[in-house]
Amino acid sequence: MTTGRQNDESKSFLKHTFLFLSLAILMFLLFITDIFTGSVAIPLTEILNSLFSGNTLKPEWATILLDFRLPKALTAVIAGTALSVSGLEMQTYFRNPLAGPFVLGISAGASLGVAILVMGISLFTGSVLISAGTQWSVAIASWAGSGLVLLLILAVSLRIKDNTTILILGILFGSITLAIVSILQYSSSESEVKAFIIWTLGSLGNVTGPQLRIMIISVAAGLLIALFAIKGMNVLLLGEQYTLTMGINIRLIRILIFTSTSILAGTITAFCGPIGFIGIAVPHIARIIFQSSNHRILLPGTLLLGSSIMLISDIISHLPGSKQILPINSVTAIIGIPVVVWIIVKKQRLVTLA
C-alpha cells in the first residue's frame, strides 16, 4: 500500500512539474510574441538584442520596445496574475464557482474609490489626470473601495449561507457602487466623463513607469499574503466548522484572503481599469489542467495560466496586421464568458442528475 501510494505521489509530482514547466515556457513565448506584435514591424532578432543587450539597429525600435511594448507586456503578466489569484481566493472562500472580483462587485468598488479620488481632485484642480506624485493615492483609494465591498459581502455571508444569494448580493453591491459613480459622472465635465469611460474599458498600454513600479510592489505583497493563506484555503474547502476543529484561526485566514484580494484586484483596477472574467475563468481552467484542489498546486498554476491568458488577450487586442487596438475588457469577455456559461451548464446538469 505504501509503495503504491509513493508511486502515485511520484507520478503526480512529475505530472505537475511538467505542467508548470510547460506553462512557464508558454508564458515566455507569449511574452516575446506580445512584444513582437504591433503596428511597427520589428525583426525578432532585434527584439531579443534589445531585451538582452539593449542594442538595436534603429534607435526608434529601442524606444518602441523598451518604453511601450515591454511595459505593456509586463503589465499584462502582472494583471493576469493578480486577477486570477484573487478569483481563486474568492471561489475558495465562498465555495462558489462563479465568485470573482468582477462578479462580486469588488472591481466596481475599486472603480468607485478611484472615481471619488479622481473626480474629487478634479473639482479643486481642474485636472482630469492624476499626476505621478499621487499614484500611491490612486492605489490606496482603489484598495479602500474594493475592501469596502468585500466587507459588505463578508457581513452578509456571516448571516446568509446560500452561495447563490451571496453572489446576487455581490452583484447588487456592485450595481450600487456603479450608480454612485454615475452620479459623480453626472456632476463632472464632459472631458472628465470621457476620460473615465475610456478608463472603464480597460487598458494595459497606458500604465506609466511609476505606476508599473507600484503595481509590481503591490501585487508582490498581495501574492505573499496569499501564500500565507494557502493552508487555510485548503482546509476551507471542507467547510468553516471543520476548519475550527483543526485549530486553524478562521478569522486570521479571512483577514489574509480579503486583504490579499483587495490589494490584487484593487491595484489592477486602479491602473488598468476594471477587467472582467479573468478572475472567474482562469481558476476553473487551472483545476481542469492540474486536476487538483490543492492550493499549493492551484495557486502557482493559476498564476502562470492567468498571465498567459492575459498575454493572449493583449495580443488579440492589437489586431495583428492592423493599427487598431480593441479594449482589453472586450477580449477578456470573449474568452471568459464561454467558460462561465460552461460552468453554469455543468452545475445545472449535476443538479438535474442528483
Protein backbone atom coordinates (compact mmCIF):
# COMPACT_ATOMS: atom_id res chain seq x y z
CA MET A 1 0.00 0.00 0.00
CA THR A 2 2.78 2.39 0.97
CA THR A 3 4.76 1.64 -2.19
CA GLY A 4 1.68 2.15 -4.36
CA ARG A 5 0.92 5.46 -2.68
CA GLN A 6 4.53 6.61 -3.15
CA ASN A 7 4.37 5.69 -6.84
CA ASP A 8 1.15 7.69 -7.25
CA GLU A 9 2.68 10.68 -5.48
CA SER A 10 5.80 10.43 -7.63
CA LYS A 11 3.71 10.32 -10.85
CA SER A 12 1.63 13.25 -9.64
CA PHE A 13 4.78 15.25 -8.84
CA LEU A 14 6.28 14.58 -12.27
CA LYS A 15 2.98 15.45 -13.97
CA HIS A 16 2.60 18.75 -12.13
CA THR A 17 6.27 19.63 -12.66
CA PHE A 18 5.85 19.03 -16.40
CA LEU A 19 2.72 21.22 -16.44
CA PHE A 20 4.44 24.03 -14.54
CA LEU A 21 7.42 23.99 -16.91
CA SER A 22 5.12 23.88 -19.95
CA LEU A 23 3.10 26.86 -18.71
CA ALA A 24 6.27 28.78 -17.87
CA ILE A 25 7.66 28.20 -21.38
CA LEU A 26 4.28 29.12 -22.90
CA MET A 27 4.18 32.34 -20.90
CA PHE A 28 7.70 33.26 -22.05
CA LEU A 29 6.84 32.60 -25.71
CA LEU A 30 3.63 34.63 -25.40
CA PHE A 31 5.59 37.41 -23.71
CA ILE A 32 8.00 37.59 -26.67
CA THR A 33 5.08 37.37 -29.11
CA ASP A 34 3.30 40.23 -27.35
CA ILE A 35 6.41 42.40 -27.64
CA PHE A 36 6.80 41.36 -31.29
CA THR A 37 3.19 42.31 -32.13
CA GLY A 38 2.45 45.91 -33.08
CA SER A 39 1.84 48.39 -35.86
CA VAL A 40 5.60 48.78 -36.42
CA ALA A 41 7.29 45.63 -37.72
CA ILE A 42 10.49 44.89 -35.78
CA PRO A 43 12.61 41.79 -36.55
CA LEU A 44 12.63 39.15 -33.82
CA THR A 45 16.45 39.23 -33.64
CA GLU A 46 16.34 42.96 -32.92
CA ILE A 47 13.76 42.39 -30.18
CA LEU A 48 15.98 39.81 -28.49
CA ASN A 49 19.03 42.05 -28.88
CA SER A 50 17.13 44.95 -27.34
CA LEU A 51 15.90 42.89 -24.39
CA PHE A 52 19.20 41.20 -23.55
CA SER A 53 21.83 43.69 -24.70
CA GLY A 54 19.94 46.97 -25.15
CA ASN A 55 21.29 47.41 -28.70
CA THR A 56 19.22 47.72 -31.90
CA LEU A 57 19.94 48.84 -35.45
CA LYS A 58 17.47 51.73 -35.14
CA PRO A 59 17.13 53.90 -32.00
CA GLU A 60 13.38 54.25 -32.56
CA TRP A 61 12.99 50.46 -32.31
CA ALA A 62 14.60 50.53 -28.88
CA THR A 63 12.22 53.31 -27.82
CA ILE A 64 9.17 51.38 -29.03
CA LEU A 65 10.30 48.17 -27.37
CA LEU A 66 11.59 49.47 -24.05
CA ASP A 67 9.20 52.38 -23.47
CA PHE A 68 5.95 50.96 -24.85
CA ARG A 69 5.79 47.26 -25.65
CA LEU A 70 7.87 45.88 -22.77
CA PRO A 71 5.96 47.79 -20.03
CA LYS A 72 2.67 46.76 -21.64
CA ALA A 73 3.66 43.09 -21.73
CA LEU A 74 4.83 43.27 -18.10
CA THR A 75 1.51 44.88 -17.19
CA ALA A 76 -0.33 42.00 -18.87
CA VAL A 77 1.64 39.46 -16.83
CA ILE A 78 1.02 41.34 -13.58
CA ALA A 79 -2.68 41.92 -14.30
CA GLY A 80 -3.30 38.29 -15.31
CA THR A 81 -1.53 37.08 -12.18
CA ALA A 82 -3.36 39.37 -9.77
CA LEU A 83 -6.87 38.92 -11.17
CA SER A 84 -6.66 35.13 -11.49
CA VAL A 85 -5.26 34.62 -7.97
CA SER A 86 -7.86 36.96 -6.44
CA GLY A 87 -10.56 34.99 -8.27
CA LEU A 88 -9.17 31.72 -6.90
CA GLU A 89 -9.25 33.15 -3.35
CA MET A 90 -12.87 34.29 -3.69
CA GLN A 91 -14.05 30.99 -5.17
CA THR A 92 -12.35 29.11 -2.34
CA TYR A 93 -13.64 31.29 0.48
CA PHE A 94 -17.25 31.46 -0.70
CA ARG A 95 -17.12 27.93 -2.18
CA ASN A 96 -18.87 29.38 -5.22
CA PRO A 97 -17.67 28.58 -8.76
CA LEU A 98 -18.93 31.93 -10.07
CA ALA A 99 -17.23 34.09 -7.45
CA GLY A 100 -14.63 36.56 -8.68
CA PRO A 101 -13.55 40.18 -8.21
CA PHE A 102 -15.62 41.38 -11.19
CA VAL A 103 -18.85 39.47 -10.50
CA LEU A 104 -18.84 40.09 -6.72
CA GLY A 105 -18.58 43.84 -7.28
CA ILE A 106 -15.04 44.13 -5.92
CA SER A 107 -13.76 45.71 -9.13
CA ALA A 108 -16.75 48.08 -9.09
CA GLY A 109 -15.84 49.08 -5.53
CA ALA A 110 -12.27 49.77 -6.63
CA SER A 111 -13.66 51.86 -9.50
CA LEU A 112 -15.69 53.87 -7.01
CA GLY A 113 -12.61 54.57 -4.91
CA VAL A 114 -10.70 55.80 -7.96
CA ALA A 115 -13.68 57.82 -9.22
CA ILE A 116 -14.09 59.61 -5.90
CA LEU A 117 -10.37 60.42 -5.78
CA VAL A 118 -10.02 61.48 -9.41
CA MET A 119 -13.22 63.49 -9.66
CA GLY A 120 -12.73 64.97 -6.21
CA ILE A 121 -9.26 66.20 -7.16
CA SER A 122 -10.52 67.50 -10.50
CA LEU A 123 -13.14 69.63 -8.74
CA PHE A 124 -10.36 71.53 -6.97
CA THR A 125 -7.52 71.40 -9.50
CA GLY A 126 -9.39 71.23 -12.80
CA SER A 127 -7.10 68.36 -13.87
CA VAL A 128 -8.50 65.14 -15.30
CA LEU A 129 -5.38 63.05 -14.90
CA ILE A 130 -3.62 62.07 -11.70
CA SER A 131 -0.03 63.18 -11.51
CA ALA A 132 2.80 60.71 -10.95
CA GLY A 133 3.33 62.01 -7.41
CA THR A 134 -0.13 60.84 -6.29
CA GLN A 135 -0.12 57.37 -7.84
CA TRP A 136 0.01 55.74 -4.41
CA SER A 137 -3.15 57.67 -3.58
CA VAL A 138 -4.86 56.07 -6.56
CA ALA A 139 -3.83 52.60 -5.40
CA ILE A 140 -4.91 53.26 -1.81
CA ALA A 141 -8.28 54.64 -2.95
CA SER A 142 -8.81 51.57 -5.10
CA TRP A 143 -7.89 49.23 -2.22
CA ALA A 144 -10.30 51.08 0.07
CA GLY A 145 -13.15 50.78 -2.43
CA SER A 146 -12.62 47.08 -3.10
CA GLY A 147 -12.12 46.42 0.63
CA LEU A 148 -15.40 48.16 1.46
CA VAL A 149 -17.37 45.94 -0.93
CA LEU A 150 -15.56 42.87 0.41
CA LEU A 151 -16.51 43.79 3.98
CA LEU A 152 -20.16 44.19 2.97
CA ILE A 153 -20.11 40.78 1.27
CA LEU A 154 -18.41 39.25 4.31
CA ALA A 155 -21.03 40.72 6.65
CA VAL A 156 -23.77 39.22 4.50
CA SER A 157 -22.02 35.85 4.23
CA LEU A 158 -21.93 35.55 8.04
CA ARG A 159 -25.74 35.67 8.12
CA ILE A 160 -26.63 34.05 4.79
CA LYS A 161 -25.04 30.73 3.89
CA ASP A 162 -26.57 30.30 0.42
CA ASN A 163 -23.83 30.90 -2.16
CA THR A 164 -26.23 31.94 -4.91
CA THR A 165 -27.79 34.61 -2.68
CA ILE A 166 -24.34 35.93 -1.74
CA LEU A 167 -23.44 36.09 -5.42
CA ILE A 168 -26.61 38.05 -6.24
CA LEU A 169 -26.00 40.44 -3.36
CA GLY A 170 -22.43 40.95 -4.56
CA ILE A 171 -23.78 41.93 -7.97
CA LEU A 172 -26.22 44.32 -6.27
CA PHE A 173 -23.43 45.91 -4.24
CA GLY A 174 -21.51 46.37 -7.47
CA SER A 175 -24.54 47.98 -9.06
CA ILE A 176 -24.88 50.40 -6.14
CA THR A 177 -21.25 51.49 -6.46
CA LEU A 178 -21.66 51.95 -10.20
CA ALA A 179 -24.77 54.06 -9.54
CA ILE A 180 -22.73 56.32 -7.26
CA VAL A 181 -20.06 56.55 -9.95
CA SER A 182 -22.78 57.58 -12.44
CA ILE A 183 -23.86 60.36 -10.10
CA LEU A 184 -20.27 61.58 -9.93
CA GLN A 185 -20.08 61.49 -13.71
CA TYR A 186 -23.30 63.48 -13.96
CA SER A 187 -21.70 66.22 -11.87
CA SER A 188 -18.44 66.22 -13.84
CA SER A 189 -17.37 67.92 -17.04
CA GLU A 190 -17.52 66.31 -20.47
CA SER A 191 -13.74 65.77 -20.62
CA GLU A 192 -13.74 64.08 -17.20
CA VAL A 193 -16.60 61.77 -18.16
CA LYS A 194 -14.87 60.83 -21.42
CA ALA A 195 -11.60 60.08 -19.62
CA PHE A 196 -13.39 57.93 -17.04
CA ILE A 197 -15.36 55.97 -19.66
CA ILE A 198 -12.16 55.21 -21.57
CA TRP A 199 -10.60 54.06 -18.29
CA THR A 200 -13.53 51.68 -17.62
CA LEU A 201 -12.89 49.93 -20.95
CA GLY A 202 -9.60 48.69 -19.55
CA SER A 203 -6.14 49.22 -20.98
CA LEU A 204 -2.72 47.70 -20.48
CA GLY A 205 -0.86 50.25 -22.58
CA ASN A 206 -1.47 53.40 -20.53
CA VAL A 207 0.49 52.32 -17.46
CA THR A 208 3.41 54.64 -16.78
CA GLY A 209 6.78 53.73 -15.28
CA PRO A 210 5.88 54.92 -11.74
CA GLN A 211 2.55 53.10 -11.95
CA LEU A 212 4.26 49.89 -13.08
CA ARG A 213 6.61 50.01 -10.09
CA ILE A 214 3.66 50.47 -7.74
CA MET A 215 1.87 47.55 -9.42
CA ILE A 216 4.88 45.26 -9.03
CA ILE A 217 5.31 46.12 -5.33
CA SER A 218 1.59 45.89 -4.54
CA VAL A 219 0.90 42.65 -6.43
CA ALA A 220 4.01 41.05 -4.90
CA ALA A 221 2.67 41.96 -1.44
CA GLY A 222 -0.78 40.57 -2.30
CA LEU A 223 0.71 37.30 -3.57
CA LEU A 224 2.88 36.98 -0.46
CA ILE A 225 -0.22 37.30 1.73
CA ALA A 226 -1.98 34.70 -0.43
CA LEU A 227 0.94 32.29 0.11
CA PHE A 228 0.49 32.56 3.89
CA ALA A 229 -3.20 31.68 3.43
CA ILE A 230 -2.64 28.52 1.35
CA LYS A 231 -3.02 26.08 4.24
CA GLY A 232 -6.17 27.82 5.42
CA MET A 233 -7.67 27.81 1.90
CA ASN A 234 -7.08 24.06 1.61
CA VAL A 235 -8.93 23.46 4.87
CA LEU A 236 -11.71 25.92 3.95
CA LEU A 237 -12.70 23.60 1.11
CA LEU A 238 -14.01 21.25 3.82
CA GLY A 239 -16.09 23.98 5.49
CA GLU A 240 -15.57 26.52 8.27
CA GLN A 241 -16.73 24.13 11.01
CA TYR A 242 -14.05 21.61 10.05
CA THR A 243 -11.52 24.45 9.93
CA LEU A 244 -12.32 25.32 13.54
CA THR A 245 -11.90 21.69 14.65
CA MET A 246 -8.44 21.70 13.04
CA GLY A 247 -7.39 24.52 15.34
CA ILE A 248 -6.90 26.99 12.48
CA ASN A 249 -7.69 30.65 13.19
CA ILE A 250 -10.55 31.23 10.73
CA ARG A 251 -10.58 34.97 11.47
CA LEU A 252 -6.90 35.28 10.53
CA ILE A 253 -7.43 33.29 7.31
CA ARG A 254 -10.39 35.51 6.45
CA ILE A 255 -8.32 38.67 7.02
CA LEU A 256 -5.46 37.30 4.89
CA ILE A 257 -7.73 36.31 1.99
CA PHE A 258 -9.70 39.55 1.98
CA THR A 259 -6.60 41.73 2.33
CA SER A 260 -4.85 39.89 -0.48
CA THR A 261 -7.90 40.09 -2.75
CA SER A 262 -8.39 43.80 -2.08
CA ILE A 263 -4.76 44.58 -2.90
CA LEU A 264 -4.60 42.37 -6.01
CA ALA A 265 -7.93 43.33 -7.58
CA GLY A 266 -7.77 46.95 -6.40
CA THR A 267 -4.28 47.58 -7.79
CA ILE A 268 -5.12 46.28 -11.26
CA THR A 269 -8.42 48.15 -11.37
CA ALA A 270 -6.71 51.38 -10.32
CA PHE A 271 -4.20 51.43 -13.17
CA CYS A 272 -5.73 49.21 -15.88
CA GLY A 273 -9.45 49.73 -15.33
CA PRO A 274 -11.99 47.04 -14.38
CA ILE A 275 -11.02 43.92 -16.35
CA GLY A 276 -13.65 41.20 -16.17
CA PHE A 277 -13.93 37.41 -16.39
CA ILE A 278 -10.23 36.58 -15.93
CA GLY A 279 -10.80 36.09 -12.20
CA ILE A 280 -13.70 33.69 -12.82
CA ALA A 281 -12.45 31.68 -15.77
CA VAL A 282 -8.76 31.09 -15.06
CA PRO A 283 -9.09 29.19 -11.73
CA HIS A 284 -11.51 26.74 -13.37
CA ILE A 285 -9.19 26.18 -16.31
CA ALA A 286 -6.34 25.58 -13.84
CA ARG A 287 -8.41 22.98 -11.96
CA ILE A 288 -9.13 21.18 -15.23
CA ILE A 289 -5.48 21.19 -16.30
CA PHE A 290 -3.93 20.21 -12.96
CA GLN A 291 -6.86 18.04 -11.77
CA SER A 292 -6.18 19.09 -8.19
CA SER A 293 -7.86 21.10 -5.44
CA ASN A 294 -4.60 21.59 -3.52
CA HIS A 295 -3.83 25.31 -3.45
CA ARG A 296 -0.10 24.62 -3.26
CA ILE A 297 -0.55 23.47 -6.85
CA LEU A 298 -3.51 25.60 -7.90
CA LEU A 299 -2.09 28.97 -6.83
CA PRO A 300 1.14 28.84 -8.91
CA GLY A 301 -0.75 27.10 -11.72
CA THR A 302 -3.43 29.80 -11.74
CA LEU A 303 -0.71 32.46 -11.64
CA LEU A 304 1.06 31.11 -14.74
CA LEU A 305 -2.17 30.42 -16.59
CA GLY A 306 -3.63 33.85 -15.79
CA SER A 307 -0.51 35.58 -17.08
CA SER A 308 -0.59 33.53 -20.29
CA ILE A 309 -4.29 34.19 -20.97
CA MET A 310 -3.87 37.92 -20.35
CA LEU A 311 -0.93 37.97 -22.78
CA ILE A 312 -3.10 36.17 -25.35
CA SER A 313 -5.84 38.75 -24.77
CA ASP A 314 -3.36 41.58 -25.27
CA ILE A 315 -2.05 40.01 -28.49
CA ILE A 316 -5.61 39.64 -29.83
CA SER A 317 -6.47 43.21 -28.82
CA HIS A 318 -3.76 44.51 -31.14
CA LEU A 319 -5.48 43.03 -34.18
CA PRO A 320 -2.16 41.84 -35.68
CA GLY A 321 -1.61 43.48 -39.04
CA SER A 322 -3.80 46.45 -38.12
CA LYS A 323 -3.20 49.74 -36.35
CA GLN A 324 -6.45 49.45 -34.38
CA ILE A 325 -6.50 48.35 -30.73
CA LEU A 326 -9.51 46.71 -29.09
CA PRO A 327 -10.45 47.39 -25.44
CA ILE A 328 -8.88 44.63 -23.34
CA ASN A 329 -12.15 44.20 -21.46
CA SER A 330 -13.91 43.16 -24.67
CA VAL A 331 -11.30 40.50 -25.42
CA THR A 332 -11.31 39.03 -21.91
CA ALA A 333 -15.12 38.88 -22.04
CA ILE A 334 -14.99 36.91 -25.31
CA ILE A 335 -12.55 34.47 -23.72
CA GLY A 336 -14.13 34.29 -20.27
CA ILE A 337 -17.88 34.26 -20.94
CA PRO A 338 -17.88 30.81 -22.68
CA VAL A 339 -16.11 29.39 -19.61
CA VAL A 340 -18.71 30.95 -17.29
CA VAL A 341 -21.55 29.57 -19.44
CA TRP A 342 -19.93 26.13 -19.36
CA ILE A 343 -19.66 26.30 -15.55
CA ILE A 344 -23.37 27.20 -15.21
CA VAL A 345 -24.48 24.46 -17.64
CA LYS A 346 -22.29 21.87 -15.92
CA LYS A 347 -23.60 22.84 -12.48
CA GLN A 348 -27.20 22.68 -13.69
CA ARG A 349 -26.58 19.26 -15.26
CA LEU A 350 -25.19 17.95 -11.97
CA VAL A 351 -28.26 19.28 -10.10
CA THR A 352 -30.56 17.59 -12.62
CA LEU A 353 -28.75 14.26 -12.28
CA ALA A 354 -28.92 14.48 -8.50
